[in-house]
Amino acid sequence: MRPFVLFLSILASWKVAADSAPKKVAAIVTEYRHNSHADIIAGRLFQTFTLDDKGKSPELELVSLFIDQFPEKDTGRKWSAEYGIPIYGTIRDALTLGGKELAVDGVMLIAEHGDYPENQFGSTLYPKERFFRETEKVFRESGKTVPVFVDKHLGIEWEIAKRSYEVSRELSFPIIAGSSLPLTWRKPPADVRGDAEVKEILVTTYGHPVSYGFHALEILQCLAEKRPGGEVGVSSVRYIEGEAVWDAGRDGVFDPELLNAALGRGLHRSRLYGKKPLEELVKKPFLYHVEYKDGLVGNIINTQNAVWEWSAAWKLECGEIESTLFWTQEERPYGHFSFIVKGIEQTFQNGRPAWPTERTLLTTGMLDALLRSKAEGGRTWRPPHLQIPYQSSYRWEPPPPPPPARPWNSQ
């Protein structure tokens, strides 16, 4: 079977409710432009999984849009006119379709990209809280709820994330959040075995320490939650930067063998990789150090300018090391985002999160604490709210081969 056909056929095999009809979905987004998260997530609901009108469509129908900002390169108005999807001026109207009560079957909150200020910790103040609170208000006034998807972390700060999670429990609606990294291709296909006693997990990252650091935390957590007994929670976190990162390796804070194993999986490397020391190639090294209640250690290291990819390596108690590359399709149609949409589809159809919401609650809290550690010069933070135990029934399976790539600027 051709890879493209296989990609579509396996996407179709994800379990949703029997004889399901498309669910009507409202997308509440910060901005809609080419290759923005709104485009490559919500766009799949009307341009098919391959974003070219030629693939399979999810059992989701985009019936309304709210767009918070309209940049010069906005494409939301274009697609609204071409596909007949109304853009409403308020979140309330997008959820009620201009009526008085909730009139959709699911809500996607995509607060990523756009012109927003940063807080004192370096996080962009995307309006996640405003989007959620206005959705919650419609739920309460209508006396009914529907499933909600929140793109990436649940909130910019811990209290926002915690409240969103607690409201979903209070009002009894499923909320699903997170990124595509736990779902994407792994080269080679590898996962932490459920019977494996893991000693340390190390993840490499690159790019912005907040937006891409969150992706790395999601990788760390999707591996950590597989250990025997499930997740027990985090006891402390610490931010380290500069020369102190390499000192941390020499001092045993992270295992250099794991770093080498993870980097060995990378495909997008500097031409000087292996010719110059890593310490010279990486211009702004930083380390996210995480200690779990049961003794597991997690480390995330920025390797930008040496290797530009997310890889992971983990060491078992027996000393064995396993590693893999978390590969993403960095050209349109960005096939890894199809797996996010399939998870949304499954959640909206079945009324149960496709993966544990607690994973994203914990990673949101870890990122918030790590940024506070950074602001205080690397002080170890021991926030009790990160002791979040949970069991994950989600099992990663190797996805089908990616669909054919097109240039990033193609329509």
Protein backbone atom coordinates (compact mmCIF):
# COMPACT_ATOMS: atom_id res chain seq x y z
CA MET A 1 0.00 0.00 0.00
CA ARG A 2 1.35 3.47 -0.88
CA PRO A 3 2.50 5.53 2.17
CA PHE A 4 -0.05 8.30 1.56
CA VAL A 5 -2.94 5.83 1.34
CA LEU A 6 -1.62 4.01 4.41
CA PHE A 7 -1.47 7.33 6.30
CA LEU A 8 -5.13 7.99 5.59
CA SER A 9 -6.26 4.42 6.26
CA ILE A 10 -4.62 4.26 9.68
CA LEU A 11 -5.96 7.67 10.64
CA ALA A 12 -9.40 6.28 9.88
CA SER A 13 -8.83 3.39 12.28
CA TRP A 14 -8.70 5.57 15.42
CA LYS A 15 -11.67 4.63 17.56
CA VAL A 16 -14.65 6.97 17.74
CA ALA A 17 -18.26 6.34 18.61
CA ALA A 18 -20.07 3.85 16.42
CA ASP A 19 -22.03 5.37 13.52
CA SER A 20 -20.77 8.79 14.55
CA ALA A 21 -22.01 11.89 12.76
CA PRO A 22 -19.80 14.97 12.46
CA LYS A 23 -19.77 17.04 15.63
CA LYS A 24 -20.31 20.76 15.23
CA VAL A 25 -17.23 22.62 16.46
CA ALA A 26 -16.47 26.24 17.33
CA ALA A 27 -12.83 27.35 17.04
CA ILE A 28 -11.75 30.24 19.27
CA VAL A 29 -8.35 31.40 18.04
CA THR A 30 -5.88 34.22 18.60
CA GLU A 31 -5.08 34.68 14.91
CA TYR A 32 -5.58 32.78 11.67
CA ARG A 33 -2.73 32.98 9.19
CA HIS A 34 -0.88 30.53 6.96
CA ASN A 35 0.80 27.78 9.02
CA SER A 36 -0.41 29.16 12.34
CA HIS A 37 -1.78 26.64 14.84
CA ALA A 38 -5.30 27.76 13.93
CA ASP A 39 -4.57 26.99 10.29
CA ILE A 40 -3.02 23.55 10.78
CA ILE A 41 -5.44 22.39 13.49
CA ALA A 42 -8.81 23.99 12.73
CA GLY A 43 -7.98 24.01 9.00
CA ARG A 44 -8.06 20.22 8.94
CA LEU A 45 -11.77 20.29 9.77
CA PHE A 46 -12.62 21.76 6.35
CA GLN A 47 -9.47 21.24 4.22
CA THR A 48 -9.08 17.56 5.23
CA PHE A 49 -6.21 16.00 7.14
CA THR A 50 -3.78 16.84 4.34
CA LEU A 51 -4.84 20.51 4.12
CA ASP A 52 -5.48 20.24 0.38
CA ASP A 53 -9.11 19.04 0.16
CA LYS A 54 -7.85 15.66 -1.06
CA GLY A 55 -7.55 13.66 2.15
CA LYS A 56 -9.98 12.14 4.61
CA SER A 57 -12.03 14.51 6.73
CA PRO A 58 -12.41 14.14 10.50
CA GLU A 59 -15.88 13.54 11.92
CA LEU A 60 -15.87 17.18 12.97
CA GLU A 61 -17.51 20.15 11.25
CA LEU A 62 -16.20 23.64 11.84
CA VAL A 63 -19.34 25.78 12.09
CA SER A 64 -18.02 28.99 13.66
CA LEU A 65 -14.89 31.01 14.28
CA PHE A 66 -13.87 33.71 16.71
CA ILE A 67 -10.60 35.40 15.75
CA ASP A 68 -9.03 37.71 18.35
CA GLN A 69 -6.53 39.45 16.08
CA PHE A 70 -6.33 40.01 12.32
CA PRO A 71 -2.70 40.43 11.22
CA GLU A 72 -1.72 41.75 7.81
CA LYS A 73 -1.33 38.18 6.52
CA ASP A 74 -4.66 36.97 7.91
CA THR A 75 -6.19 34.07 5.99
CA GLY A 76 -9.17 33.50 8.27
CA ARG A 77 -11.43 35.84 6.33
CA LYS A 78 -10.42 34.17 3.07
CA TRP A 79 -11.29 30.65 4.25
CA SER A 80 -14.44 31.91 5.98
CA ALA A 81 -15.75 33.24 2.68
CA GLU A 82 -14.58 30.26 0.61
CA TYR A 83 -15.95 27.54 2.91
CA GLY A 84 -18.93 29.37 4.37
CA ILE A 85 -17.71 29.37 7.97
CA PRO A 86 -19.00 32.45 9.80
CA ILE A 87 -16.63 34.56 11.87
CA TYR A 88 -18.41 35.93 14.93
CA GLY A 89 -17.43 39.07 16.81
CA THR A 90 -17.66 37.50 20.26
CA ILE A 91 -16.86 34.13 21.78
CA ARG A 92 -20.43 33.91 23.05
CA ASP A 93 -21.84 34.27 19.55
CA ALA A 94 -19.38 31.71 18.17
CA LEU A 95 -20.55 29.18 20.78
CA THR A 96 -24.26 29.97 20.43
CA LEU A 97 -24.15 30.58 16.64
CA GLY A 98 -25.63 33.96 17.33
CA GLY A 99 -28.44 32.59 19.52
CA LYS A 100 -29.02 32.50 23.25
CA GLU A 101 -27.76 29.03 24.21
CA LEU A 102 -24.82 26.77 23.50
CA ALA A 103 -25.28 25.43 19.95
CA VAL A 104 -22.09 23.45 19.22
CA ASP A 105 -20.85 19.98 20.18
CA GLY A 106 -17.26 20.91 20.96
CA VAL A 107 -14.97 23.90 21.46
CA MET A 108 -11.35 24.31 20.37
CA LEU A 109 -9.37 27.02 22.16
CA ILE A 110 -6.26 27.75 20.09
CA ALA A 111 -4.35 30.55 21.81
CA GLU A 112 -0.98 30.32 20.10
CA HIS A 113 0.60 33.02 17.89
CA GLY A 114 -0.41 36.65 17.79
CA ASP A 115 0.79 40.02 19.08
CA TYR A 116 0.63 39.76 22.87
CA PRO A 117 3.00 40.99 25.62
CA GLU A 118 5.21 38.79 27.77
CA ASN A 119 5.07 38.42 31.54
CA GLN A 120 8.08 38.75 33.84
CA PHE A 121 8.97 35.08 33.31
CA GLY A 122 9.23 35.28 29.52
CA SER A 123 5.86 33.66 28.74
CA THR A 124 3.69 35.26 26.07
CA LEU A 125 0.39 36.28 27.62
CA TYR A 126 -1.88 34.48 25.19
CA PRO A 127 -5.52 34.95 26.26
CA LYS A 128 -6.06 31.34 27.36
CA GLU A 129 -7.76 32.42 30.57
CA ARG A 130 -10.12 34.84 28.81
CA PHE A 131 -11.00 32.26 26.16
CA PHE A 132 -11.74 29.63 28.80
CA ARG A 133 -13.71 31.92 31.13
CA GLU A 134 -15.97 33.17 28.33
CA THR A 135 -16.57 29.58 27.24
CA GLU A 136 -17.31 28.60 30.84
CA LYS A 137 -19.80 31.46 31.15
CA VAL A 138 -21.78 30.20 28.14
CA PHE A 139 -21.72 26.69 29.64
CA ARG A 140 -23.08 27.89 32.98
CA GLU A 141 -25.75 30.12 31.49
CA SER A 142 -26.88 27.42 29.04
CA GLY A 143 -26.98 24.73 31.72
CA LYS A 144 -25.05 22.33 29.49
CA THR A 145 -21.47 21.64 28.47
CA VAL A 146 -19.48 20.08 25.64
CA PRO A 147 -15.89 18.78 25.35
CA VAL A 148 -13.09 21.36 25.14
CA PHE A 149 -9.66 21.21 23.53
CA VAL A 150 -6.93 23.61 24.72
CA ASP A 151 -3.91 23.89 22.45
CA LYS A 152 -0.60 23.22 24.25
CA HIS A 153 -0.46 24.11 27.96
CA LEU A 154 -3.64 24.57 29.96
CA GLY A 155 -2.73 28.05 31.12
CA ILE A 156 0.10 30.56 31.02
CA GLU A 157 0.49 30.27 34.80
CA TRP A 158 -0.26 27.47 37.23
CA GLU A 159 -3.35 29.01 38.84
CA ILE A 160 -4.99 29.50 35.44
CA ALA A 161 -4.31 25.89 34.45
CA LYS A 162 -5.46 24.52 37.79
CA ARG A 163 -8.71 26.47 37.64
CA SER A 164 -9.50 25.29 34.09
CA TYR A 165 -8.94 21.68 35.15
CA GLU A 166 -11.08 22.08 38.28
CA VAL A 167 -13.94 23.75 36.37
CA SER A 168 -13.99 20.85 33.90
CA ARG A 169 -14.37 18.47 36.84
CA GLU A 170 -17.02 20.62 38.52
CA LEU A 171 -19.14 20.91 35.37
CA SER A 172 -18.39 17.35 34.21
CA PHE A 173 -17.05 18.02 30.71
CA PRO A 174 -13.91 16.45 29.22
CA ILE A 175 -11.01 18.77 28.59
CA ILE A 176 -8.06 17.68 26.46
CA ALA A 177 -4.86 19.65 26.01
CA GLY A 178 -1.24 19.35 25.01
CA SER A 179 0.92 19.23 21.92
CA SER A 180 1.62 16.86 19.05
CA LEU A 181 5.03 15.70 20.33
CA PRO A 182 3.81 12.73 22.44
CA LEU A 183 1.84 11.53 19.39
CA THR A 184 4.34 12.00 16.60
CA TRP A 185 6.72 9.61 14.81
CA ARG A 186 9.62 8.13 16.76
CA LYS A 187 12.79 7.00 15.02
CA PRO A 188 13.29 4.20 15.93
CA PRO A 189 9.85 3.31 17.34
CA ALA A 190 10.48 3.12 21.08
CA ASP A 191 8.68 3.76 24.34
CA VAL A 192 9.30 3.20 28.02
CA ARG A 193 8.10 -0.31 28.80
CA GLY A 194 5.45 -0.57 31.49
CA ASP A 195 7.52 -3.09 33.44
CA ALA A 196 10.78 -1.14 33.15
CA GLU A 197 12.40 0.45 36.20
CA VAL A 198 13.63 3.77 34.80
CA LYS A 199 16.41 5.69 36.52
CA GLU A 200 16.72 8.83 34.36
CA ILE A 201 15.13 10.34 31.23
CA LEU A 202 16.91 13.02 29.21
CA VAL A 203 15.33 15.08 26.41
CA THR A 204 17.04 17.47 24.01
CA THR A 205 15.28 20.62 22.86
CA TYR A 206 15.97 23.78 20.86
CA GLY A 207 14.31 27.10 20.14
CA HIS A 208 12.40 29.22 22.63
CA PRO A 209 12.74 27.91 26.22
CA VAL A 210 9.02 28.47 26.87
CA SER A 211 7.17 27.41 23.72
CA TYR A 212 9.62 24.67 22.73
CA GLY A 213 10.53 23.89 26.32
CA PHE A 214 6.90 22.93 26.83
CA HIS A 215 7.17 20.44 23.95
CA ALA A 216 10.21 18.88 25.62
CA LEU A 217 8.37 18.61 28.95
CA GLU A 218 5.52 16.82 27.18
CA ILE A 219 8.04 14.34 25.75
CA LEU A 220 9.55 13.81 29.19
CA GLN A 221 6.16 13.26 30.79
CA CYS A 222 4.70 10.95 28.12
CA LEU A 223 7.69 8.68 28.79
CA ALA A 224 7.75 9.08 32.57
CA GLU A 225 4.08 8.19 33.01
CA LYS A 226 4.72 4.71 31.60
CA ARG A 227 6.83 3.54 34.54
CA PRO A 228 5.45 0.85 36.86
CA GLY A 229 2.72 2.24 39.10
CA GLY A 230 2.08 5.21 36.83
CA GLU A 231 2.77 8.83 37.69
CA VAL A 232 3.34 9.78 41.34
CA GLY A 233 4.17 13.46 40.97
CA VAL A 234 7.15 15.81 40.97
CA SER A 235 9.00 16.79 44.14
CA SER A 236 11.30 19.57 42.81
CA VAL A 237 12.51 21.43 39.72
CA ARG A 238 15.52 23.62 39.00
CA TYR A 239 16.66 25.82 36.10
CA ILE A 240 20.37 25.87 35.19
CA GLU A 241 22.00 27.90 32.41
CA GLY A 242 25.34 28.77 30.86
CA GLU A 243 28.56 26.99 31.76
CA ALA A 244 26.80 25.54 34.81
CA VAL A 245 24.93 23.18 32.44
CA TRP A 246 28.15 21.39 31.49
CA ASP A 247 29.27 21.44 35.13
CA ALA A 248 25.98 19.70 35.96
CA GLY A 249 26.96 16.85 33.66
CA ARG A 250 30.33 16.51 35.33
CA ASP A 251 28.69 16.63 38.77
CA GLY A 252 26.15 13.90 37.99
CA VAL A 253 23.04 16.10 37.76
CA PHE A 254 22.48 14.54 34.33
CA ASP A 255 24.12 11.53 32.71
CA PRO A 256 26.38 12.55 29.77
CA GLU A 257 25.87 9.06 28.31
CA LEU A 258 22.17 9.82 27.95
CA LEU A 259 22.90 13.16 26.31
CA ASN A 260 25.18 11.47 23.77
CA ALA A 261 22.58 8.75 23.10
CA ALA A 262 19.82 11.32 22.53
CA LEU A 263 22.00 13.51 20.28
CA GLY A 264 22.99 10.44 18.32
CA ARG A 265 19.39 10.14 17.12
CA GLY A 266 19.31 13.67 15.71
CA LEU A 267 19.15 14.21 11.95
CA HIS A 268 19.27 18.01 11.76
CA ARG A 269 22.79 18.77 12.99
CA SER A 270 25.36 21.51 12.61
CA ARG A 271 28.02 20.74 10.02
CA LEU A 272 30.48 21.21 12.90
CA TYR A 273 28.77 18.62 15.11
CA GLY A 274 31.38 16.07 16.14
CA LYS A 275 34.19 18.36 15.02
CA LYS A 276 33.91 20.92 17.80
CA PRO A 277 32.96 20.37 21.47
CA LEU A 278 29.28 20.66 22.28
CA GLU A 279 30.16 23.39 24.78
CA GLU A 280 31.40 25.57 21.91
CA LEU A 281 28.51 24.88 19.55
CA VAL A 282 25.61 25.53 21.94
CA LYS A 283 25.53 29.30 22.43
CA LYS A 284 22.85 29.51 25.13
CA PRO A 285 22.70 26.22 27.01
CA PHE A 286 20.00 25.69 29.61
CA LEU A 287 18.89 22.70 31.62
CA TYR A 288 15.47 21.90 33.08
CA HIS A 289 16.11 19.51 35.98
CA VAL A 290 13.13 17.58 37.38
CA GLU A 291 13.08 15.20 40.34
CA TYR A 292 10.06 12.93 40.83
CA LYS A 293 8.75 11.69 44.17
CA ASP A 294 9.81 8.11 43.49
CA GLY A 295 13.41 9.02 42.62
CA LEU A 296 13.13 9.22 38.84
CA VAL A 297 15.21 12.07 37.40
CA GLY A 298 14.24 14.03 34.29
CA ASN A 299 16.50 16.43 32.41
CA ILE A 300 15.88 18.66 29.39
CA ILE A 301 18.88 20.26 27.69
CA ASN A 302 18.90 22.93 24.99
CA THR A 303 21.25 21.86 22.17
CA GLN A 304 20.42 24.57 19.64
CA ASN A 305 23.25 25.35 17.18
CA ALA A 306 24.47 21.76 17.55
CA VAL A 307 21.32 19.68 16.99
CA TRP A 308 17.92 21.19 16.20
CA GLU A 309 15.57 18.37 17.19
CA TRP A 310 13.72 16.72 20.06
CA SER A 311 15.29 13.42 21.06
CA ALA A 312 15.07 11.38 24.23
CA ALA A 313 17.16 8.75 25.97
CA TRP A 314 16.43 6.86 29.16
CA LYS A 315 18.47 4.61 31.42
CA LEU A 316 17.02 1.57 33.12
CA GLU A 317 18.06 0.41 36.57
CA CYS A 318 19.97 -2.43 34.90
CA GLY A 319 22.11 0.17 33.10
CA GLU A 320 20.61 -0.35 29.64
CA ILE A 321 20.05 2.84 27.60
CA GLU A 322 17.27 3.28 25.05
CA SER A 323 16.77 6.32 22.82
CA THR A 324 14.66 7.73 20.02
CA LEU A 325 14.06 10.82 17.89
CA PHE A 326 10.65 12.50 18.15
CA TRP A 327 10.34 13.39 14.48
CA THR A 328 8.03 16.10 13.14
CA GLN A 329 7.18 16.94 9.54
CA GLU A 330 8.53 20.47 9.20
CA GLU A 331 6.80 21.17 5.91
CA ARG A 332 3.15 21.47 5.03
CA PRO A 333 0.87 19.64 5.79
CA TYR A 334 2.74 19.10 9.11
CA GLY A 335 1.37 15.58 9.37
CA HIS A 336 2.00 15.29 13.13
CA PHE A 337 -0.85 17.73 13.72
CA SER A 338 -3.25 15.16 12.23
CA PHE A 339 -2.76 13.10 15.37
CA ILE A 340 -3.83 16.05 17.55
CA VAL A 341 -6.99 16.42 15.43
CA LYS A 342 -7.67 12.67 15.67
CA GLY A 343 -7.40 12.96 19.45
CA ILE A 344 -9.83 15.88 19.44
CA GLU A 345 -12.19 13.90 17.22
CA GLN A 346 -12.05 10.90 19.54
CA THR A 347 -12.62 13.06 22.61
CA PHE A 348 -15.50 15.03 21.10
CA GLN A 349 -17.19 11.88 19.80
CA ASN A 350 -16.68 9.61 22.81
CA GLY A 351 -16.76 12.15 25.62
CA ARG A 352 -13.49 10.82 27.09
CA PRO A 353 -10.03 12.40 26.77
CA ALA A 354 -7.88 10.54 24.25
CA TRP A 355 -4.88 10.94 26.58
CA PRO A 356 -4.67 12.01 30.24
CA THR A 357 -5.43 15.67 30.89
CA GLU A 358 -3.32 15.32 34.04
CA ARG A 359 -0.23 14.95 31.84
CA THR A 360 -0.68 18.46 30.49
CA LEU A 361 -1.72 19.81 33.89
CA LEU A 362 1.57 18.52 35.31
CA THR A 363 3.73 19.75 32.42
CA THR A 364 2.04 23.17 32.63
CA GLY A 365 2.88 23.30 36.33
CA MET A 366 6.46 22.15 35.76
CA LEU A 367 7.07 24.84 33.14
CA ASP A 368 5.63 27.53 35.41
CA ALA A 369 7.84 26.42 38.31
CA LEU A 370 10.95 26.17 36.12
CA LEU A 371 10.47 29.71 34.83
CA ARG A 372 10.14 30.93 38.42
CA SER A 373 13.34 29.07 39.27
CA LYS A 374 15.01 30.85 36.37
CA ALA A 375 13.77 34.23 37.59
CA GLU A 376 15.32 33.51 41.00
CA GLY A 377 18.73 32.59 39.67
CA GLY A 378 18.21 28.83 39.56
CA ARG A 379 16.75 28.27 43.01
CA THR A 380 15.34 24.78 43.53
CA TRP A 381 11.56 24.94 43.63
CA ARG A 382 9.56 22.37 45.62
CA PRO A 383 5.94 23.29 44.83
CA PRO A 384 3.51 20.83 46.49
CA HIS A 385 0.98 21.29 43.69
CA LEU A 386 3.18 19.25 41.32
CA GLN A 387 2.53 16.08 43.28
CA ILE A 388 -0.13 14.97 40.81
CA PRO A 389 -0.55 11.19 40.68
CA TYR A 390 -2.37 9.63 37.75
CA GLN A 391 -2.60 6.49 35.66
CA SER A 392 -2.33 6.69 31.88
CA SER A 393 -4.17 4.22 29.67
CA TYR A 394 -2.78 5.96 26.55
CA ARG A 395 -0.41 3.77 24.56
CA TRP A 396 1.71 5.21 21.77
CA GLU A 397 1.67 3.16 18.59
CA PRO A 398 3.90 3.86 15.56
CA PRO A 399 1.95 6.19 13.24
CA PRO A 400 1.71 5.52 9.51
CA PRO A 401 4.30 7.12 7.23
CA PRO A 402 3.80 10.87 6.78
CA PRO A 403 1.85 12.25 3.83
CA PRO A 404 3.87 13.84 1.01
CA ALA A 405 5.39 17.13 2.08
CA ARG A 406 4.82 20.41 0.27
CA PRO A 407 6.80 23.65 0.65
CA TRP A 408 5.86 25.51 3.84
CA ASN A 409 4.46 28.42 1.82
CA SER A 410 2.16 26.27 -0.35
CA GLN A 411 -1.60 26.59 0.03
